[in-house]
Amino acid sequence: MTRPQAIPSLEEERIDERAPLFNVVLLDDNEHTYDYVIEMLQRLFLISAQQAFRHAEEVDATGRTIVLTCELPAAEFGRDQIQSYGPDWRMPESKGSMSAIVEPAGIPGLASGLQ
């Protein structure tokens, strides 16, 4: 008599089917104002002024803030949107957009090379 094979539970199958998630990480610099960060995040990611302000504080204090966690294509699109937003008109020394990277979610500080 052969032994019946274990049937994977539905939850196990759902976990296996999920695509890996990635963080869009905004990086700090000295060429953009809080107003720029708040405006950019509200326009690009449709978040509230309060949420955008918290991200501006975090990027200023720690050098980085995770603005979005999603699947890779959307994360790359979010990063590209940040990097193409343009200079901060409030600061003459601002020559371009802010920088952002994409990294695997759940592994802070480990960039994936998808910059």
Protein backbone atom coordinates (compact mmCIF):
# COMPACT_ATOMS: atom_id res chain seq x y z
CA MET A 1 0.00 0.00 0.00
CA THR A 2 1.37 3.41 -0.95
CA ARG A 3 1.27 6.29 1.38
CA PRO A 4 -0.93 9.23 0.38
CA GLN A 5 0.96 12.37 -0.49
CA ALA A 6 0.32 15.41 1.62
CA ILE A 7 -1.91 17.93 -0.08
CA PRO A 8 -0.59 21.46 0.37
CA SER A 9 -2.99 23.74 2.09
CA LEU A 10 -4.60 26.56 0.17
CA GLU A 11 -2.72 29.11 2.32
CA GLU A 12 0.65 27.54 1.42
CA GLU A 13 -0.22 27.78 -2.26
CA ARG A 14 -1.21 31.43 -1.92
CA ILE A 15 2.08 32.28 -0.21
CA ASP A 16 4.04 30.57 -2.98
CA GLU A 17 2.08 32.47 -5.66
CA ARG A 18 2.84 35.92 -4.24
CA ALA A 19 5.39 37.97 -6.09
CA PRO A 20 8.29 39.34 -4.03
CA LEU A 21 7.86 42.89 -2.79
CA PHE A 22 10.27 45.79 -3.16
CA ASN A 23 10.68 49.13 -1.40
CA VAL A 24 11.02 52.45 -3.17
CA VAL A 25 13.49 54.35 -1.00
CA LEU A 26 13.87 58.12 -1.27
CA LEU A 27 17.42 59.27 -0.46
CA ASP A 28 18.33 62.54 1.24
CA ASP A 29 20.34 65.38 -0.23
CA ASN A 30 20.87 69.08 0.49
CA GLU A 31 19.46 70.40 -2.79
CA HIS A 32 15.74 70.01 -2.09
CA THR A 33 13.41 71.62 0.45
CA TYR A 34 10.77 70.01 2.64
CA ASP A 35 8.19 71.73 0.45
CA TYR A 36 9.65 70.01 -2.63
CA VAL A 37 9.57 66.58 -0.96
CA ILE A 38 6.01 67.08 0.27
CA GLU A 39 4.79 68.34 -3.10
CA MET A 40 6.53 65.56 -5.03
CA LEU A 41 5.27 62.75 -2.81
CA GLN A 42 1.72 64.06 -2.86
CA ARG A 43 1.69 64.32 -6.65
CA LEU A 44 3.48 61.08 -7.44
CA PHE A 45 2.09 58.77 -4.74
CA LEU A 46 -1.22 60.47 -3.91
CA ILE A 47 -0.54 60.65 -0.17
CA SER A 48 -1.71 63.26 2.31
CA ALA A 49 0.31 66.32 3.25
CA GLN A 50 0.79 64.83 6.74
CA GLN A 51 2.15 61.57 5.36
CA ALA A 52 4.43 63.43 2.96
CA PHE A 53 5.69 65.65 5.78
CA ARG A 54 6.53 62.56 7.89
CA HIS A 55 8.53 61.18 4.95
CA ALA A 56 10.31 64.53 4.58
CA GLU A 57 11.23 64.46 8.28
CA GLU A 58 12.43 60.87 8.08
CA VAL A 59 14.56 61.35 4.97
CA ASP A 60 16.10 64.46 6.55
CA ALA A 61 16.81 62.73 9.88
CA THR A 62 17.94 59.30 8.68
CA GLY A 63 19.01 59.85 5.07
CA ARG A 64 16.27 57.62 3.63
CA THR A 65 12.59 56.84 3.77
CA ILE A 66 10.52 54.05 2.26
CA VAL A 67 7.77 55.73 0.27
CA LEU A 68 6.20 52.65 -1.32
CA THR A 69 6.31 48.85 -1.07
CA CYS A 70 5.01 46.93 -4.07
CA GLU A 71 5.94 44.47 -6.81
CA LEU A 72 9.05 45.17 -8.87
CA PRO A 73 7.55 46.81 -11.98
CA ALA A 74 5.60 49.34 -9.90
CA ALA A 75 8.62 49.94 -7.63
CA GLU A 76 10.85 50.66 -10.62
CA PHE A 77 8.20 53.01 -12.00
CA GLY A 78 7.98 54.83 -8.65
CA ARG A 79 11.77 55.18 -8.49
CA ASP A 80 11.88 56.50 -12.05
CA GLN A 81 9.12 59.01 -11.30
CA ILE A 82 11.09 60.39 -8.33
CA GLN A 83 14.28 60.59 -10.36
CA SER A 84 12.57 62.47 -13.19
CA TYR A 85 10.53 64.92 -11.11
CA GLY A 86 12.99 67.74 -11.72
CA PRO A 87 14.90 70.30 -9.66
CA ASP A 88 13.56 72.28 -6.72
CA TRP A 89 12.77 75.72 -8.11
CA ARG A 90 13.02 77.10 -4.55
CA MET A 91 16.76 76.42 -4.42
CA PRO A 92 19.04 77.81 -7.16
CA GLU A 93 21.66 75.13 -6.39
CA SER A 94 19.16 72.35 -7.09
CA LYS A 95 20.22 70.94 -10.46
CA GLY A 96 17.98 67.90 -10.70
CA SER A 97 15.62 65.45 -9.06
CA MET A 98 16.11 63.62 -5.82
CA SER A 99 17.55 60.11 -5.86
CA ALA A 100 15.71 56.91 -5.09
CA ILE A 101 16.57 53.22 -5.10
CA VAL A 102 14.64 49.97 -5.23
CA GLU A 103 15.49 47.31 -2.66
CA PRO A 104 13.92 44.02 -1.61
CA ALA A 105 11.29 44.58 1.08
CA GLY A 106 12.15 43.30 4.51
CA ILE A 107 15.88 43.77 4.10
CA PRO A 108 16.58 47.39 5.14
CA GLY A 109 19.77 48.88 3.84
CA LEU A 110 20.41 46.10 1.33
CA ALA A 111 20.15 47.67 -2.10
CA SER A 112 19.35 45.22 -4.84
CA GLY A 113 21.36 46.88 -7.56
CA LEU A 114 18.15 47.95 -9.32
CA GLN A 115 19.05 51.60 -9.02
